[in-house]
Amino acid sequence: MKHILTALALLVALPANAAEKLTVALDWTPNTNHVGLYVAQAKGWFTQAGLDVEILPYTDTSSGTLVATGVAQFGILSAVGFHSQRAMGADMTAVMAVVQHETGRLVFNGNRKDIQRPADLDGKTYAGFGSAWENALISSIIRHDGGEGTFDTVTLGTSAYEALANGSVDFTLEVSTWEGVNSLLLGRPQRWFTYSDYGVPDQHTTFLGGNSTWLAANAATASVFVQAAQRGYAFAADNPEEAGDILIAETGGMLSNPELVHASMTALVEGGFLRDPGEPVGLIDPELITGITAFLFEAGILRDANGDVHKAMPDVSDWYTNAYLAR
């Protein structure tokens, strides 16, 4: 009896297997592009996978940098930022396409009669965000329509939308599933040009990415994390209203406009941005990766580790993988 009690005491004293800690960096303050992570967290799917997942708050350091340097094992990555950093040799790999297609668009006041086509933007004022991508994108769109591709730029960041509304600038870029939805809610008339209508390749606009070195050493852990996140995004695609409520609840008051969150979720789902028909949520399309990389290369945006413009199209075959997804 004494031996049995001793054995039981030892069992009680032994700690349970500790959950493996992982961190995920966000590319911006919480929004509907992040909904699958918060759904997986709230539903306990990370915990069921043996993981203790911390969603890091957005900071001035980009999520791509946090992932590439190993500060975070995973991160939500904007497509252009990912392609630019990966071209420079950043140690990260896209493991899931969060947003399947281009959500960006070029927008202007819907009451403007002098803007009917992209060529009409020549000589007008653009409210920008400070990236090389914007100039290449807009110039390409205008030239594709027969214009010269010349315009003035004022860098305003998120103030661009107020500037557009009050008429102090002529046009800007927006994410249709967030700023575009918000403009509708605010009653601001808008018209827009869709990038792909004017020669710009479609792209996955948002990825879940992982640190490449960590992925190679922790394939099993990576798989269960990615599949839990994938399950969260699949739930959001099937249940946008409930997923929106979860996102609001899980972000502790950071999303103060429930109407915007739910309208954004509707736009993501009805626009087919979270799932392509007949495919699992999150599947990365190699043609989309190659197409947008070629566009960026031809525009002279992609630089190597030394800061020099790439002289040849980079090999993107190891920039992404679908290996961790449930199929």
C-alpha atoms as a PDB file:
ATOM      1  CA  MET A   1       0.000   0.000   0.000  1.00  0.00           C
ATOM      2  CA  LYS A   2       2.846   2.341   0.879  1.00  0.00           C
ATOM      3  CA  HIS A   3       4.427   1.744  -2.559  1.00  0.00           C
ATOM      4  CA  ILE A   4       1.111   2.469  -4.329  1.00  0.00           C
ATOM      5  CA  LEU A   5       0.668   5.752  -2.456  1.00  0.00           C
ATOM      6  CA  THR A   6       4.233   6.739  -3.274  1.00  0.00           C
ATOM      7  CA  ALA A   7       3.664   6.008  -6.963  1.00  0.00           C
ATOM      8  CA  LEU A   8       0.431   7.995  -6.953  1.00  0.00           C
ATOM      9  CA  ALA A   9       2.184  10.918  -5.279  1.00  0.00           C
ATOM     10  CA  LEU A  10       4.872  10.878  -7.945  1.00  0.00           C
ATOM     11  CA  LEU A  11       2.262  10.862 -10.714  1.00  0.00           C
ATOM     12  CA  VAL A  12       0.470  13.838  -9.179  1.00  0.00           C
ATOM     13  CA  ALA A  13       3.763  15.685  -8.884  1.00  0.00           C
ATOM     14  CA  LEU A  14       4.690  15.156 -12.525  1.00  0.00           C
ATOM     15  CA  PRO A  15       3.663  18.094 -14.715  1.00  0.00           C
ATOM     16  CA  ALA A  16       1.362  17.510 -17.671  1.00  0.00           C
ATOM     17  CA  ASN A  17       2.932  17.918 -21.086  1.00  0.00           C
ATOM     18  CA  ALA A  18       3.309  21.650 -21.512  1.00  0.00           C
ATOM     19  CA  ALA A  19       1.736  23.228 -24.566  1.00  0.00           C
ATOM     20  CA  GLU A  20       4.264  24.429 -27.122  1.00  0.00           C
ATOM     21  CA  LYS A  21       4.448  28.200 -27.238  1.00  0.00           C
ATOM     22  CA  LEU A  22       4.137  29.956 -30.604  1.00  0.00           C
ATOM     23  CA  THR A  23       3.854  33.615 -31.500  1.00  0.00           C
ATOM     24  CA  VAL A  24       2.042  35.143 -34.481  1.00  0.00           C
ATOM     25  CA  ALA A  25       2.692  38.735 -35.569  1.00  0.00           C
ATOM     26  CA  LEU A  26      -0.029  40.855 -37.152  1.00  0.00           C
ATOM     27  CA  ASP A  27       0.578  43.072 -40.157  1.00  0.00           C
ATOM     28  CA  TRP A  28      -1.797  45.763 -38.902  1.00  0.00           C
ATOM     29  CA  THR A  29      -4.171  46.450 -36.048  1.00  0.00           C
ATOM     30  CA  PRO A  30      -6.781  43.660 -35.762  1.00  0.00           C
ATOM     31  CA  ASN A  31      -9.164  43.459 -38.707  1.00  0.00           C
ATOM     32  CA  THR A  32     -11.093  40.869 -40.664  1.00  0.00           C
ATOM     33  CA  ASN A  33      -7.980  39.591 -42.463  1.00  0.00           C
ATOM     34  CA  HIS A  34      -6.995  38.181 -39.056  1.00  0.00           C
ATOM     35  CA  VAL A  35     -10.359  36.602 -38.245  1.00  0.00           C
ATOM     36  CA  GLY A  36      -9.273  32.965 -38.651  1.00  0.00           C
ATOM     37  CA  LEU A  37      -6.577  33.288 -36.004  1.00  0.00           C
ATOM     38  CA  TYR A  38      -9.020  34.692 -33.460  1.00  0.00           C
ATOM     39  CA  VAL A  39     -11.654  32.075 -34.306  1.00  0.00           C
ATOM     40  CA  ALA A  40      -9.112  29.263 -33.825  1.00  0.00           C
ATOM     41  CA  GLN A  41      -8.030  30.824 -30.536  1.00  0.00           C
ATOM     42  CA  ALA A  42     -11.573  31.251 -29.240  1.00  0.00           C
ATOM     43  CA  LYS A  43     -12.716  27.794 -30.337  1.00  0.00           C
ATOM     44  CA  GLY A  44      -9.747  26.179 -28.573  1.00  0.00           C
ATOM     45  CA  TRP A  45      -8.349  24.651 -31.762  1.00  0.00           C
ATOM     46  CA  PHE A  46      -4.814  25.809 -31.043  1.00  0.00           C
ATOM     47  CA  THR A  47      -5.050  24.377 -27.533  1.00  0.00           C
ATOM     48  CA  GLN A  48      -6.398  21.074 -28.892  1.00  0.00           C
ATOM     49  CA  ALA A  49      -3.343  20.938 -31.141  1.00  0.00           C
ATOM     50  CA  GLY A  50      -1.072  21.196 -28.082  1.00  0.00           C
ATOM     51  CA  LEU A  51      -0.169  24.828 -28.731  1.00  0.00           C
ATOM     52  CA  ASP A  52      -0.072  27.949 -26.611  1.00  0.00           C
ATOM     53  CA  VAL A  53      -0.451  30.652 -29.263  1.00  0.00           C
ATOM     54  CA  GLU A  54       0.156  34.321 -28.568  1.00  0.00           C
ATOM     55  CA  ILE A  55      -1.098  36.803 -31.157  1.00  0.00           C
ATOM     56  CA  LEU A  56       1.361  39.672 -30.902  1.00  0.00           C
ATOM     57  CA  PRO A  57       0.022  43.229 -31.077  1.00  0.00           C
ATOM     58  CA  TYR A  58       0.888  45.283 -34.142  1.00  0.00           C
ATOM     59  CA  THR A  59       4.017  47.409 -33.774  1.00  0.00           C
ATOM     60  CA  ASP A  60       6.156  49.700 -35.914  1.00  0.00           C
ATOM     61  CA  THR A  61       8.318  46.682 -36.782  1.00  0.00           C
ATOM     62  CA  SER A  62       6.736  44.884 -39.734  1.00  0.00           C
ATOM     63  CA  SER A  63       5.367  41.404 -39.249  1.00  0.00           C
ATOM     64  CA  GLY A  64       7.683  40.225 -42.033  1.00  0.00           C
ATOM     65  CA  THR A  65      10.721  41.445 -40.119  1.00  0.00           C
ATOM     66  CA  LEU A  66       9.525  39.793 -36.909  1.00  0.00           C
ATOM     67  CA  VAL A  67       9.063  36.483 -38.735  1.00  0.00           C
ATOM     68  CA  ALA A  68      12.300  36.657 -40.746  1.00  0.00           C
ATOM     69  CA  THR A  69      14.372  37.378 -37.636  1.00  0.00           C
ATOM     70  CA  GLY A  70      12.692  34.618 -35.623  1.00  0.00           C
ATOM     71  CA  VAL A  71      11.063  36.924 -33.074  1.00  0.00           C
ATOM     72  CA  ALA A  72       7.760  35.374 -34.176  1.00  0.00           C
ATOM     73  CA  GLN A  73       7.431  31.916 -35.664  1.00  0.00           C
ATOM     74  CA  PHE A  74       4.497  33.008 -37.819  1.00  0.00           C
ATOM     75  CA  GLY A  75       2.971  36.221 -39.076  1.00  0.00           C
ATOM     76  CA  ILE A  76       0.239  37.686 -41.232  1.00  0.00           C
ATOM     77  CA  LEU A  77       2.079  39.170 -44.191  1.00  0.00           C
ATOM     78  CA  SER A  78       0.960  41.691 -46.794  1.00  0.00           C
ATOM     79  CA  ALA A  79       1.751  40.352 -50.242  1.00  0.00           C
ATOM     80  CA  VAL A  80       3.881  43.202 -51.558  1.00  0.00           C
ATOM     81  CA  GLY A  81       5.879  43.377 -48.327  1.00  0.00           C
ATOM     82  CA  PHE A  82       6.408  39.617 -48.415  1.00  0.00           C
ATOM     83  CA  HIS A  83       7.587  39.604 -52.029  1.00  0.00           C
ATOM     84  CA  SER A  84       9.914  42.547 -51.459  1.00  0.00           C
ATOM     85  CA  GLN A  85      11.496  41.082 -48.318  1.00  0.00           C
ATOM     86  CA  ARG A  86      11.724  37.584 -49.756  1.00  0.00           C
ATOM     87  CA  ALA A  87      13.513  38.961 -52.826  1.00  0.00           C
ATOM     88  CA  MET A  88      16.121  40.341 -50.418  1.00  0.00           C
ATOM     89  CA  GLY A  89      16.634  36.884 -48.943  1.00  0.00           C
ATOM     90  CA  ALA A  90      14.420  37.187 -45.859  1.00  0.00           C
ATOM     91  CA  ASP A  91      14.152  33.901 -43.945  1.00  0.00           C
ATOM     92  CA  MET A  92      10.421  33.320 -44.353  1.00  0.00           C
ATOM     93  CA  THR A  93       8.019  31.174 -46.341  1.00  0.00           C
ATOM     94  CA  ALA A  94       4.350  31.704 -47.175  1.00  0.00           C
ATOM     95  CA  VAL A  95       2.392  28.721 -45.817  1.00  0.00           C
ATOM     96  CA  MET A  96      -1.200  29.789 -46.455  1.00  0.00           C
ATOM     97  CA  ALA A  97      -3.028  32.313 -48.648  1.00  0.00           C
ATOM     98  CA  VAL A  98      -5.309  34.206 -46.276  1.00  0.00           C
ATOM     99  CA  VAL A  99      -6.911  36.364 -48.989  1.00  0.00           C
ATOM    100  CA  GLN A 100      -7.197  34.560 -52.305  1.00  0.00           C
ATOM    101  CA  HIS A 101      -7.483  37.506 -54.682  1.00  0.00           C
ATOM    102  CA  GLU A 102      -6.661  41.191 -55.029  1.00  0.00           C
ATOM    103  CA  THR A 103      -8.828  43.302 -52.730  1.00  0.00           C
ATOM    104  CA  GLY A 104      -7.121  46.592 -53.572  1.00  0.00           C
ATOM    105  CA  ARG A 105      -8.519  49.115 -56.015  1.00  0.00           C
ATOM    106  CA  LEU A 106      -7.883  52.653 -57.195  1.00  0.00           C
ATOM    107  CA  VAL A 107     -10.698  54.917 -55.977  1.00  0.00           C
ATOM    108  CA  PHE A 108     -11.947  58.447 -56.562  1.00  0.00           C
ATOM    109  CA  ASN A 109     -14.989  60.545 -55.732  1.00  0.00           C
ATOM    110  CA  GLY A 110     -18.032  59.130 -57.464  1.00  0.00           C
ATOM    111  CA  ASN A 111     -19.264  62.594 -58.382  1.00  0.00           C
ATOM    112  CA  ARG A 112     -16.182  63.451 -60.447  1.00  0.00           C
ATOM    113  CA  LYS A 113     -17.223  63.825 -64.076  1.00  0.00           C
ATOM    114  CA  ASP A 114     -13.649  64.546 -65.215  1.00  0.00           C
ATOM    115  CA  ILE A 115     -12.465  61.029 -64.274  1.00  0.00           C
ATOM    116  CA  GLN A 116     -13.935  58.375 -66.509  1.00  0.00           C
ATOM    117  CA  ARG A 117     -10.892  56.226 -67.270  1.00  0.00           C
ATOM    118  CA  PRO A 118      -7.371  55.739 -65.848  1.00  0.00           C
ATOM    119  CA  ALA A 119      -5.804  58.005 -68.485  1.00  0.00           C
ATOM    120  CA  ASP A 120      -7.791  60.863 -66.929  1.00  0.00           C
ATOM    121  CA  LEU A 121      -5.590  60.584 -63.824  1.00  0.00           C
ATOM    122  CA  ASP A 122      -2.553  62.024 -65.603  1.00  0.00           C
ATOM    123  CA  GLY A 123      -1.483  65.204 -63.824  1.00  0.00           C
ATOM    124  CA  LYS A 124      -3.820  64.687 -60.880  1.00  0.00           C
ATOM    125  CA  THR A 125      -2.920  64.324 -57.180  1.00  0.00           C
ATOM    126  CA  TYR A 126      -2.649  60.948 -55.509  1.00  0.00           C
ATOM    127  CA  ALA A 127      -2.854  60.457 -51.733  1.00  0.00           C
ATOM    128  CA  GLY A 128      -0.300  57.757 -51.021  1.00  0.00           C
ATOM    129  CA  PHE A 129       1.237  55.526 -48.380  1.00  0.00           C
ATOM    130  CA  GLY A 130       4.945  55.733 -49.205  1.00  0.00           C
ATOM    131  CA  SER A 131       5.764  52.500 -51.045  1.00  0.00           C
ATOM    132  CA  ALA A 132       7.497  51.942 -54.379  1.00  0.00           C
ATOM    133  CA  TRP A 133       4.700  49.528 -55.303  1.00  0.00           C
ATOM    134  CA  GLU A 134       2.157  52.341 -55.483  1.00  0.00           C
ATOM    135  CA  ASN A 135       4.010  54.346 -58.116  1.00  0.00           C
ATOM    136  CA  ALA A 136       4.636  51.265 -60.269  1.00  0.00           C
ATOM    137  CA  LEU A 137       1.041  50.116 -59.905  1.00  0.00           C
ATOM    138  CA  ILE A 138      -0.627  53.429 -60.725  1.00  0.00           C
ATOM    139  CA  SER A 139       1.749  54.329 -63.550  1.00  0.00           C
ATOM    140  CA  SER A 140       1.155  50.916 -65.092  1.00  0.00           C
ATOM    141  CA  ILE A 141      -2.631  51.263 -64.879  1.00  0.00           C
ATOM    142  CA  ILE A 142      -2.599  54.713 -66.480  1.00  0.00           C
ATOM    143  CA  ARG A 143      -0.203  53.705 -69.247  1.00  0.00           C
ATOM    144  CA  HIS A 144      -2.231  50.579 -69.975  1.00  0.00           C
ATOM    145  CA  ASP A 145      -5.145  52.909 -70.701  1.00  0.00           C
ATOM    146  CA  GLY A 146      -3.064  55.064 -73.051  1.00  0.00           C
ATOM    147  CA  GLY A 147      -1.984  57.785 -70.612  1.00  0.00           C
ATOM    148  CA  GLU A 148       1.535  58.900 -69.735  1.00  0.00           C
ATOM    149  CA  GLY A 149       1.444  57.621 -66.145  1.00  0.00           C
ATOM    150  CA  THR A 150       2.388  60.955 -64.572  1.00  0.00           C
ATOM    151  CA  PHE A 151       0.773  62.225 -61.383  1.00  0.00           C
ATOM    152  CA  ASP A 152       1.610  64.124 -58.211  1.00  0.00           C
ATOM    153  CA  THR A 153       1.887  62.304 -54.903  1.00  0.00           C
ATOM    154  CA  VAL A 154       1.291  63.464 -51.340  1.00  0.00           C
ATOM    155  CA  THR A 155       2.040  60.844 -48.670  1.00  0.00           C
ATOM    156  CA  LEU A 156      -0.813  60.857 -46.158  1.00  0.00           C
ATOM    157  CA  GLY A 157      -1.161  57.282 -44.907  1.00  0.00           C
ATOM    158  CA  THR A 158      -4.602  56.506 -43.513  1.00  0.00           C
ATOM    159  CA  SER A 159      -5.509  60.208 -43.720  1.00  0.00           C
ATOM    160  CA  ALA A 160      -5.812  59.640 -47.462  1.00  0.00           C
ATOM    161  CA  TYR A 161      -9.459  58.672 -47.130  1.00  0.00           C
ATOM    162  CA  GLU A 162     -10.466  61.882 -45.380  1.00  0.00           C
ATOM    163  CA  ALA A 163      -8.469  63.853 -47.931  1.00  0.00           C
ATOM    164  CA  LEU A 164     -10.307  62.108 -50.738  1.00  0.00           C
ATOM    165  CA  ALA A 165     -13.673  62.765 -49.106  1.00  0.00           C
ATOM    166  CA  ASN A 166     -12.997  66.493 -48.644  1.00  0.00           C
ATOM    167  CA  GLY A 167     -11.626  66.909 -52.159  1.00  0.00           C
ATOM    168  CA  SER A 168      -8.064  67.898 -51.292  1.00  0.00           C
ATOM    169  CA  VAL A 169      -6.725  64.985 -53.397  1.00  0.00           C
ATOM    170  CA  ASP A 170      -8.020  63.356 -56.565  1.00  0.00           C
ATOM    171  CA  PHE A 171      -7.557  59.641 -55.974  1.00  0.00           C
ATOM    172  CA  THR A 172      -6.066  57.000 -53.695  1.00  0.00           C
ATOM    173  CA  LEU A 173      -5.853  53.237 -53.181  1.00  0.00           C
ATOM    174  CA  GLU A 174      -8.032  51.282 -50.785  1.00  0.00           C
ATOM    175  CA  VAL A 175      -8.811  47.778 -49.658  1.00  0.00           C
ATOM    176  CA  SER A 176     -12.319  47.139 -50.952  1.00  0.00           C
ATOM    177  CA  THR A 177     -13.183  44.801 -48.075  1.00  0.00           C
ATOM    178  CA  TRP A 178     -12.314  47.365 -45.393  1.00  0.00           C
ATOM    179  CA  GLU A 179     -11.927  51.018 -46.433  1.00  0.00           C
ATOM    180  CA  GLY A 180     -14.289  50.438 -49.355  1.00  0.00           C
ATOM    181  CA  VAL A 181     -16.948  48.976 -47.085  1.00  0.00           C
ATOM    182  CA  ASN A 182     -16.424  51.821 -44.623  1.00  0.00           C
ATOM    183  CA  SER A 183     -16.964  54.414 -47.360  1.00  0.00           C
ATOM    184  CA  LEU A 184     -20.314  52.828 -48.139  1.00  0.00           C
ATOM    185  CA  LEU A 185     -21.299  52.916 -44.477  1.00  0.00           C
ATOM    186  CA  LEU A 186     -20.308  56.597 -44.314  1.00  0.00           C
ATOM    187  CA  GLY A 187     -22.347  57.383 -47.416  1.00  0.00           C
ATOM    188  CA  ARG A 188     -19.368  58.551 -49.447  1.00  0.00           C
ATOM    189  CA  PRO A 189     -19.927  58.074 -53.200  1.00  0.00           C
ATOM    190  CA  GLN A 190     -17.039  56.327 -54.902  1.00  0.00           C
ATOM    191  CA  ARG A 191     -16.049  54.862 -58.226  1.00  0.00           C
ATOM    192  CA  TRP A 192     -12.970  52.792 -58.868  1.00  0.00           C
ATOM    193  CA  PHE A 193     -10.679  51.040 -61.281  1.00  0.00           C
ATOM    194  CA  THR A 194      -9.868  47.385 -60.659  1.00  0.00           C
ATOM    195  CA  TYR A 195      -6.163  46.627 -61.107  1.00  0.00           C
ATOM    196  CA  SER A 196      -6.586  43.473 -63.161  1.00  0.00           C
ATOM    197  CA  ASP A 197      -8.735  45.312 -65.720  1.00  0.00           C
ATOM    198  CA  TYR A 198      -5.652  47.335 -66.621  1.00  0.00           C
ATOM    199  CA  GLY A 199      -2.856  44.806 -66.952  1.00  0.00           C
ATOM    200  CA  VAL A 200      -1.878  44.199 -63.321  1.00  0.00           C
ATOM    201  CA  PRO A 201      -1.784  40.481 -62.374  1.00  0.00           C
ATOM    202  CA  ASP A 202      -4.149  39.174 -59.728  1.00  0.00           C
ATOM    203  CA  GLN A 203      -2.502  38.161 -56.463  1.00  0.00           C
ATOM    204  CA  HIS A 204      -3.040  36.708 -53.024  1.00  0.00           C
ATOM    205  CA  THR A 205      -3.027  39.956 -51.064  1.00  0.00           C
ATOM    206  CA  THR A 206      -2.381  38.439 -47.631  1.00  0.00           C
ATOM    207  CA  PHE A 207      -0.433  35.397 -46.450  1.00  0.00           C
ATOM    208  CA  LEU A 208       0.223  33.473 -43.299  1.00  0.00           C
ATOM    209  CA  GLY A 209       3.982  33.047 -43.312  1.00  0.00           C
ATOM    210  CA  GLY A 210       6.507  31.260 -41.151  1.00  0.00           C
ATOM    211  CA  ASN A 211      10.201  31.572 -40.356  1.00  0.00           C
ATOM    212  CA  SER A 212      11.838  29.212 -42.871  1.00  0.00           C
ATOM    213  CA  THR A 213      14.558  27.920 -40.543  1.00  0.00           C
ATOM    214  CA  TRP A 214      12.022  27.222 -37.790  1.00  0.00           C
ATOM    215  CA  LEU A 215       9.667  25.496 -40.241  1.00  0.00           C
ATOM    216  CA  ALA A 216      12.404  23.120 -41.396  1.00  0.00           C
ATOM    217  CA  ALA A 217      13.151  22.097 -37.824  1.00  0.00           C
ATOM    218  CA  ASN A 218       9.535  21.907 -36.609  1.00  0.00           C
ATOM    219  CA  ALA A 219       7.467  20.503 -39.459  1.00  0.00           C
ATOM    220  CA  ALA A 220       4.984  18.611 -37.277  1.00  0.00           C
ATOM    221  CA  THR A 221       4.295  21.627 -35.050  1.00  0.00           C
ATOM    222  CA  ALA A 222       4.004  23.856 -38.098  1.00  0.00           C
ATOM    223  CA  SER A 223       1.410  21.526 -39.620  1.00  0.00           C
ATOM    224  CA  VAL A 224      -0.872  21.443 -36.604  1.00  0.00           C
ATOM    225  CA  PHE A 225      -0.664  25.227 -36.199  1.00  0.00           C
ATOM    226  CA  VAL A 226      -1.349  25.988 -39.862  1.00  0.00           C
ATOM    227  CA  GLN A 227      -4.226  23.518 -39.992  1.00  0.00           C
ATOM    228  CA  ALA A 228      -5.810  24.998 -36.856  1.00  0.00           C
ATOM    229  CA  ALA A 229      -5.562  28.459 -38.417  1.00  0.00           C
ATOM    230  CA  GLN A 230      -6.920  27.076 -41.693  1.00  0.00           C
ATOM    231  CA  ARG A 231      -9.857  25.632 -39.769  1.00  0.00           C
ATOM    232  CA  GLY A 232     -10.468  29.070 -38.270  1.00  0.00           C
ATOM    233  CA  TYR A 233     -10.587  30.721 -41.691  1.00  0.00           C
ATOM    234  CA  ALA A 234     -12.820  27.944 -43.066  1.00  0.00           C
ATOM    235  CA  PHE A 235     -15.223  28.535 -40.187  1.00  0.00           C
ATOM    236  CA  ALA A 236     -15.201  32.254 -40.967  1.00  0.00           C
ATOM    237  CA  ALA A 237     -15.965  31.566 -44.631  1.00  0.00           C
ATOM    238  CA  ASP A 238     -18.943  29.422 -43.625  1.00  0.00           C
ATOM    239  CA  ASN A 239     -20.110  31.485 -40.644  1.00  0.00           C
ATOM    240  CA  PRO A 240     -19.192  35.147 -41.282  1.00  0.00           C
ATOM    241  CA  GLU A 241     -21.648  36.603 -38.760  1.00  0.00           C
ATOM    242  CA  GLU A 242     -20.457  34.438 -35.848  1.00  0.00           C
ATOM    243  CA  ALA A 243     -16.821  34.839 -36.885  1.00  0.00           C
ATOM    244  CA  GLY A 244     -17.243  38.620 -36.853  1.00  0.00           C
ATOM    245  CA  ASP A 245     -18.674  38.455 -33.343  1.00  0.00           C
ATOM    246  CA  ILE A 246     -15.728  36.326 -32.220  1.00  0.00           C
ATOM    247  CA  LEU A 247     -13.229  38.774 -33.747  1.00  0.00           C
ATOM    248  CA  ILE A 248     -14.854  41.686 -31.909  1.00  0.00           C
ATOM    249  CA  ALA A 249     -14.948  39.801 -28.591  1.00  0.00           C
ATOM    250  CA  GLU A 250     -11.397  38.444 -28.821  1.00  0.00           C
ATOM    251  CA  THR A 251      -9.775  41.795 -29.604  1.00  0.00           C
ATOM    252  CA  GLY A 252     -10.814  43.451 -26.365  1.00  0.00           C
ATOM    253  CA  GLY A 253     -12.539  46.580 -27.651  1.00  0.00           C
ATOM    254  CA  MET A 254      -9.990  47.377 -30.368  1.00  0.00           C
ATOM    255  CA  LEU A 255     -12.729  47.071 -33.000  1.00  0.00           C
ATOM    256  CA  SER A 256     -15.260  49.690 -31.977  1.00  0.00           C
ATOM    257  CA  ASN A 257     -17.479  49.536 -35.084  1.00  0.00           C
ATOM    258  CA  PRO A 258     -19.322  46.188 -35.221  1.00  0.00           C
ATOM    259  CA  GLU A 259     -21.213  47.284 -38.328  1.00  0.00           C
ATOM    260  CA  LEU A 260     -17.939  47.716 -40.212  1.00  0.00           C
ATOM    261  CA  VAL A 261     -16.619  44.339 -39.032  1.00  0.00           C
ATOM    262  CA  HIS A 262     -19.737  42.503 -40.158  1.00  0.00           C
ATOM    263  CA  ALA A 263     -19.954  44.362 -43.452  1.00  0.00           C
ATOM    264  CA  SER A 264     -16.310  43.537 -44.074  1.00  0.00           C
ATOM    265  CA  MET A 265     -16.889  39.858 -43.322  1.00  0.00           C
ATOM    266  CA  THR A 266     -19.793  39.850 -45.776  1.00  0.00           C
ATOM    267  CA  ALA A 267     -17.599  41.456 -48.443  1.00  0.00           C
ATOM    268  CA  LEU A 268     -14.799  38.912 -47.894  1.00  0.00           C
ATOM    269  CA  VAL A 269     -17.150  35.937 -48.137  1.00  0.00           C
ATOM    270  CA  GLU A 270     -19.468  37.125 -50.907  1.00  0.00           C
ATOM    271  CA  GLY A 271     -16.504  38.346 -52.941  1.00  0.00           C
ATOM    272  CA  GLY A 272     -14.904  34.896 -52.801  1.00  0.00           C
ATOM    273  CA  PHE A 273     -11.785  36.243 -51.108  1.00  0.00           C
ATOM    274  CA  LEU A 274     -11.509  33.595 -48.373  1.00  0.00           C
ATOM    275  CA  ARG A 275     -12.075  30.519 -50.527  1.00  0.00           C
ATOM    276  CA  ASP A 276     -11.915  29.582 -54.186  1.00  0.00           C
ATOM    277  CA  PRO A 277     -14.656  27.171 -55.350  1.00  0.00           C
ATOM    278  CA  GLY A 278     -13.654  23.553 -55.090  1.00  0.00           C
ATOM    279  CA  GLU A 279     -10.427  24.297 -53.210  1.00  0.00           C
ATOM    280  CA  PRO A 280      -9.464  24.111 -49.547  1.00  0.00           C
ATOM    281  CA  VAL A 281      -9.238  27.386 -47.697  1.00  0.00           C
ATOM    282  CA  GLY A 282      -5.717  28.821 -47.808  1.00  0.00           C
ATOM    283  CA  LEU A 283      -4.376  27.083 -50.905  1.00  0.00           C
ATOM    284  CA  ILE A 284      -1.540  29.051 -52.534  1.00  0.00           C
ATOM    285  CA  ASP A 285      -1.671  29.322 -56.340  1.00  0.00           C
ATOM    286  CA  PRO A 286       1.834  29.180 -57.875  1.00  0.00           C
ATOM    287  CA  GLU A 287       0.680  31.160 -60.928  1.00  0.00           C
ATOM    288  CA  LEU A 288      -0.420  34.072 -58.754  1.00  0.00           C
ATOM    289  CA  ILE A 289       2.923  34.085 -56.925  1.00  0.00           C
ATOM    290  CA  THR A 290       4.862  34.007 -60.191  1.00  0.00           C
ATOM    291  CA  GLY A 291       2.679  36.579 -61.937  1.00  0.00           C
ATOM    292  CA  ILE A 292       2.894  39.319 -59.335  1.00  0.00           C
ATOM    293  CA  THR A 293       6.606  38.663 -58.742  1.00  0.00           C
ATOM    294  CA  ALA A 294       7.216  39.125 -62.468  1.00  0.00           C
ATOM    295  CA  PHE A 295       5.271  42.402 -62.380  1.00  0.00           C
ATOM    296  CA  LEU A 296       7.331  43.682 -59.449  1.00  0.00           C
ATOM    297  CA  PHE A 297      10.566  42.543 -61.098  1.00  0.00           C
ATOM    298  CA  GLU A 298       9.735  44.256 -64.382  1.00  0.00           C
ATOM    299  CA  ALA A 299       8.849  47.424 -62.480  1.00  0.00           C
ATOM    300  CA  GLY A 300      12.333  47.420 -60.932  1.00  0.00           C
ATOM    301  CA  ILE A 301      10.985  47.168 -57.386  1.00  0.00           C
ATOM    302  CA  LEU A 302      12.607  43.926 -56.248  1.00  0.00           C
ATOM    303  CA  ARG A 303      16.050  44.317 -54.679  1.00  0.00           C
ATOM    304  CA  ASP A 304      18.555  41.748 -53.524  1.00  0.00           C
ATOM    305  CA  ALA A 305      20.325  41.408 -50.184  1.00  0.00           C
ATOM    306  CA  ASN A 306      22.783  44.140 -51.182  1.00  0.00           C
ATOM    307  CA  GLY A 307      20.014  46.571 -52.036  1.00  0.00           C
ATOM    308  CA  ASP A 308      20.609  46.280 -55.780  1.00  0.00           C
ATOM    309  CA  VAL A 309      17.759  45.854 -58.246  1.00  0.00           C
ATOM    310  CA  HIS A 310      17.422  42.236 -59.361  1.00  0.00           C
ATOM    311  CA  LYS A 311      18.817  41.765 -62.851  1.00  0.00           C
ATOM    312  CA  ALA A 312      16.983  38.474 -63.390  1.00  0.00           C
ATOM    313  CA  MET A 313      13.574  37.253 -62.326  1.00  0.00           C
ATOM    314  CA  PRO A 314      13.948  35.561 -58.917  1.00  0.00           C
ATOM    315  CA  ASP A 315      13.201  31.862 -58.544  1.00  0.00           C
ATOM    316  CA  VAL A 316      10.071  31.834 -56.375  1.00  0.00           C
ATOM    317  CA  SER A 317       9.707  28.060 -56.055  1.00  0.00           C
ATOM    318  CA  ASP A 318      10.868  28.026 -52.428  1.00  0.00           C
ATOM    319  CA  TRP A 319       9.037  31.204 -51.409  1.00  0.00           C
ATOM    320  CA  TYR A 320       5.858  29.304 -50.578  1.00  0.00           C
ATOM    321  CA  THR A 321       4.511  25.859 -49.726  1.00  0.00           C
ATOM    322  CA  ASN A 322       1.121  24.168 -49.393  1.00  0.00           C
ATOM    323  CA  ALA A 323       2.676  21.259 -47.480  1.00  0.00           C
ATOM    324  CA  TYR A 324       1.289  22.259 -44.080  1.00  0.00           C
ATOM    325  CA  LEU A 325      -2.336  22.693 -45.186  1.00  0.00           C
ATOM    326  CA  ALA A 326      -5.094  20.123 -44.753  1.00  0.00           C
ATOM    327  CA  ARG A 327      -6.157  19.096 -48.260  1.00  0.00           C
END
